[in-house]
N, C-alpha and C. Protein backbone atom coordinates (compact mmCIF):
# COMPACT_ATOMS: atom_id res chain seq x y z
N UNK A 1 45.23 -134.30 -8.30
CA UNK A 1 45.17 -133.26 -7.29
C UNK A 1 45.80 -133.76 -6.01
N UNK A 2 46.24 -132.83 -5.19
CA UNK A 2 46.94 -133.17 -3.95
C UNK A 2 45.97 -133.48 -2.83
N UNK A 3 46.55 -133.83 -1.67
CA UNK A 3 45.72 -134.14 -0.50
C UNK A 3 44.93 -132.93 -0.04
N UNK A 4 45.45 -131.72 -0.32
CA UNK A 4 44.74 -130.51 0.10
C UNK A 4 43.81 -130.01 -1.01
N UNK A 5 43.43 -130.90 -1.90
CA UNK A 5 42.55 -130.53 -3.00
C UNK A 5 41.21 -130.08 -2.47
N UNK A 6 40.56 -129.18 -3.19
CA UNK A 6 39.25 -128.69 -2.76
C UNK A 6 38.20 -129.79 -2.79
N UNK A 7 37.15 -129.57 -2.01
CA UNK A 7 36.05 -130.53 -1.99
C UNK A 7 35.23 -130.40 -3.26
N UNK A 8 34.47 -131.44 -3.52
CA UNK A 8 33.58 -131.42 -4.67
C UNK A 8 32.49 -130.39 -4.43
N UNK A 9 32.01 -129.80 -5.50
CA UNK A 9 30.91 -128.86 -5.40
C UNK A 9 31.15 -127.62 -6.23
N UNK A 10 30.17 -126.75 -6.22
CA UNK A 10 30.21 -125.52 -7.01
C UNK A 10 31.03 -124.45 -6.29
N UNK A 11 31.85 -123.73 -7.05
CA UNK A 11 32.52 -122.56 -6.50
C UNK A 11 31.47 -121.48 -6.33
N UNK A 12 31.52 -120.79 -5.22
CA UNK A 12 30.53 -119.77 -4.90
C UNK A 12 30.46 -118.72 -6.01
N UNK A 13 29.25 -118.38 -6.40
CA UNK A 13 28.98 -117.36 -7.41
C UNK A 13 29.71 -117.59 -8.72
N UNK A 14 29.80 -118.84 -9.13
CA UNK A 14 30.46 -119.14 -10.40
C UNK A 14 29.73 -120.28 -11.10
N UNK A 15 29.95 -120.41 -12.40
CA UNK A 15 29.36 -121.53 -13.14
C UNK A 15 30.29 -122.73 -13.20
N UNK A 16 31.13 -122.88 -12.18
CA UNK A 16 32.16 -123.93 -12.18
C UNK A 16 31.87 -124.92 -11.06
N UNK A 17 31.92 -126.23 -11.42
CA UNK A 17 31.65 -127.29 -10.46
C UNK A 17 32.78 -128.31 -10.53
N UNK A 18 33.20 -128.79 -9.35
CA UNK A 18 34.19 -129.86 -9.26
C UNK A 18 33.45 -131.16 -9.00
N UNK A 19 33.55 -132.10 -9.94
CA UNK A 19 32.90 -133.41 -9.81
C UNK A 19 33.94 -134.49 -10.07
N UNK A 20 34.10 -135.39 -9.13
CA UNK A 20 35.02 -136.51 -9.28
C UNK A 20 36.42 -136.06 -9.71
N UNK A 21 36.88 -134.95 -9.13
CA UNK A 21 38.22 -134.45 -9.42
C UNK A 21 38.37 -133.72 -10.74
N UNK A 22 37.27 -133.47 -11.43
CA UNK A 22 37.32 -132.75 -12.70
C UNK A 22 36.45 -131.51 -12.63
N UNK A 23 36.94 -130.43 -13.23
CA UNK A 23 36.21 -129.17 -13.26
C UNK A 23 35.28 -129.14 -14.47
N UNK A 24 34.06 -128.70 -14.22
CA UNK A 24 33.05 -128.56 -15.26
C UNK A 24 32.52 -127.14 -15.27
N UNK A 25 32.29 -126.61 -16.47
CA UNK A 25 31.60 -125.34 -16.65
C UNK A 25 30.14 -125.67 -16.89
N UNK A 26 29.26 -125.09 -16.10
CA UNK A 26 27.85 -125.48 -16.11
C UNK A 26 26.99 -124.27 -16.44
N UNK A 27 26.02 -124.47 -17.31
CA UNK A 27 25.04 -123.43 -17.62
C UNK A 27 23.69 -124.09 -17.83
N UNK A 28 22.69 -123.28 -18.07
CA UNK A 28 21.37 -123.81 -18.35
C UNK A 28 21.32 -124.65 -19.62
N UNK A 29 22.27 -124.39 -20.53
CA UNK A 29 22.30 -125.11 -21.80
C UNK A 29 23.03 -126.45 -21.69
N UNK A 30 23.77 -126.66 -20.59
CA UNK A 30 24.49 -127.91 -20.43
C UNK A 30 25.83 -127.69 -19.73
N UNK A 31 26.66 -128.72 -19.77
CA UNK A 31 27.95 -128.69 -19.09
C UNK A 31 29.06 -129.07 -20.07
N UNK A 32 30.25 -128.53 -19.79
CA UNK A 32 31.41 -128.88 -20.59
C UNK A 32 32.60 -129.09 -19.65
N UNK A 33 33.35 -130.13 -19.91
CA UNK A 33 34.52 -130.45 -19.10
C UNK A 33 35.64 -129.44 -19.38
N UNK A 34 36.21 -128.90 -18.32
CA UNK A 34 37.36 -128.00 -18.46
C UNK A 34 38.62 -128.86 -18.53
N UNK A 35 39.33 -128.79 -19.64
CA UNK A 35 40.49 -129.65 -19.83
C UNK A 35 41.81 -128.89 -19.90
N UNK A 36 41.77 -127.58 -19.98
CA UNK A 36 43.01 -126.81 -20.07
C UNK A 36 43.73 -126.85 -18.73
N UNK A 37 44.96 -127.38 -18.68
CA UNK A 37 45.66 -127.55 -17.40
C UNK A 37 45.95 -126.23 -16.68
N UNK A 38 46.20 -125.17 -17.43
CA UNK A 38 46.44 -123.87 -16.79
C UNK A 38 45.18 -123.38 -16.11
N UNK A 39 44.06 -123.46 -16.81
CA UNK A 39 42.78 -123.02 -16.27
C UNK A 39 42.39 -123.84 -15.05
N UNK A 40 42.50 -125.16 -15.15
CA UNK A 40 42.09 -126.01 -14.03
C UNK A 40 43.01 -125.85 -12.83
N UNK A 41 44.29 -125.57 -13.05
CA UNK A 41 45.17 -125.35 -11.89
C UNK A 41 44.82 -124.03 -11.20
N UNK A 42 44.40 -123.05 -11.97
CA UNK A 42 43.95 -121.79 -11.36
C UNK A 42 42.66 -122.02 -10.57
N UNK A 43 41.76 -122.82 -11.11
CA UNK A 43 40.53 -123.17 -10.37
C UNK A 43 40.87 -123.91 -9.09
N UNK A 44 41.84 -124.84 -9.14
CA UNK A 44 42.27 -125.56 -7.94
C UNK A 44 42.78 -124.57 -6.89
N UNK A 45 43.63 -123.65 -7.32
CA UNK A 45 44.19 -122.66 -6.38
C UNK A 45 43.12 -121.77 -5.79
N UNK A 46 42.18 -121.33 -6.62
CA UNK A 46 41.10 -120.49 -6.13
C UNK A 46 40.22 -121.24 -5.13
N UNK A 47 39.90 -122.49 -5.44
CA UNK A 47 39.07 -123.29 -4.54
C UNK A 47 39.79 -123.54 -3.22
N UNK A 48 41.10 -123.78 -3.27
CA UNK A 48 41.87 -123.97 -2.03
C UNK A 48 41.90 -122.69 -1.21
N UNK A 49 42.03 -121.55 -1.88
CA UNK A 49 42.01 -120.26 -1.17
C UNK A 49 40.65 -120.02 -0.53
N UNK A 50 39.58 -120.37 -1.22
CA UNK A 50 38.24 -120.21 -0.66
C UNK A 50 38.05 -121.11 0.56
N UNK A 51 38.56 -122.35 0.48
CA UNK A 51 38.47 -123.27 1.61
C UNK A 51 39.26 -122.73 2.80
N UNK A 52 40.45 -122.21 2.54
CA UNK A 52 41.27 -121.63 3.62
C UNK A 52 40.58 -120.41 4.24
N UNK A 53 39.97 -119.59 3.41
CA UNK A 53 39.26 -118.41 3.93
C UNK A 53 38.06 -118.83 4.77
N UNK A 54 37.31 -119.82 4.30
CA UNK A 54 36.18 -120.32 5.08
C UNK A 54 36.64 -120.85 6.44
N UNK A 55 37.77 -121.55 6.45
CA UNK A 55 38.30 -122.09 7.70
C UNK A 55 38.75 -120.97 8.63
N UNK A 56 39.39 -119.94 8.07
CA UNK A 56 39.83 -118.80 8.88
C UNK A 56 38.64 -118.10 9.53
N UNK A 57 37.56 -117.93 8.77
CA UNK A 57 36.36 -117.30 9.32
C UNK A 57 35.76 -118.18 10.41
N UNK A 58 35.71 -119.48 10.19
CA UNK A 58 35.18 -120.39 11.21
C UNK A 58 36.03 -120.33 12.47
N UNK A 59 37.36 -120.26 12.32
CA UNK A 59 38.25 -120.15 13.48
C UNK A 59 38.02 -118.85 14.24
N UNK A 60 37.84 -117.76 13.52
CA UNK A 60 37.58 -116.47 14.18
C UNK A 60 36.26 -116.50 14.94
N UNK A 61 35.25 -117.09 14.34
CA UNK A 61 33.95 -117.18 15.02
C UNK A 61 34.05 -118.05 16.27
N UNK A 62 34.81 -119.12 16.18
CA UNK A 62 34.99 -120.00 17.35
C UNK A 62 35.71 -119.25 18.46
N UNK A 63 36.71 -118.45 18.10
CA UNK A 63 37.44 -117.68 19.13
C UNK A 63 36.55 -116.61 19.75
N UNK A 64 35.64 -116.04 18.98
CA UNK A 64 34.73 -115.03 19.53
C UNK A 64 33.80 -115.64 20.57
N UNK A 65 33.51 -116.92 20.44
CA UNK A 65 32.61 -117.59 21.36
C UNK A 65 33.32 -118.10 22.61
N UNK A 66 34.66 -118.02 22.65
CA UNK A 66 35.40 -118.45 23.82
C UNK A 66 35.32 -117.39 24.91
N UNK A 67 35.38 -117.81 26.17
CA UNK A 67 35.39 -116.80 27.24
C UNK A 67 36.69 -116.00 27.16
N UNK A 68 36.64 -114.73 27.52
CA UNK A 68 37.85 -113.90 27.44
C UNK A 68 38.92 -114.40 28.41
N UNK A 69 40.16 -114.26 27.99
CA UNK A 69 41.29 -114.65 28.86
C UNK A 69 41.38 -113.62 29.98
N UNK A 70 41.78 -114.08 31.17
CA UNK A 70 41.92 -113.13 32.29
C UNK A 70 43.07 -112.18 32.00
N UNK A 71 42.85 -110.92 32.32
CA UNK A 71 43.85 -109.88 32.07
C UNK A 71 44.33 -109.36 33.41
N UNK A 72 45.57 -109.66 33.77
CA UNK A 72 46.12 -109.28 35.06
C UNK A 72 46.25 -107.76 35.17
N UNK A 73 46.41 -107.06 34.05
CA UNK A 73 46.60 -105.61 34.08
C UNK A 73 45.34 -104.83 34.18
N UNK A 74 44.22 -105.45 33.97
CA UNK A 74 42.96 -104.73 34.03
C UNK A 74 42.72 -103.89 32.79
N UNK A 75 41.61 -103.20 32.76
CA UNK A 75 41.26 -102.37 31.62
C UNK A 75 41.39 -100.92 31.97
N UNK A 76 41.79 -100.11 31.04
CA UNK A 76 41.92 -98.65 31.28
C UNK A 76 40.80 -97.90 30.64
């Protein structure tokens, strides 16, 4: 995986967990290693998209907490 690889942990609302750089399918009956390269690359992409979305939301929340910029034109 690349430097922008997703962090270890469970994908939200899924039975998929990333442990030590490997994807696992997890259920109450046990776990199985996901070895199909197409499937795991899609999981990598999805996890990276989720990480990017989480960061975008965090950035938006941080901007909402900043004081408003002064507006020379005033409000109408």
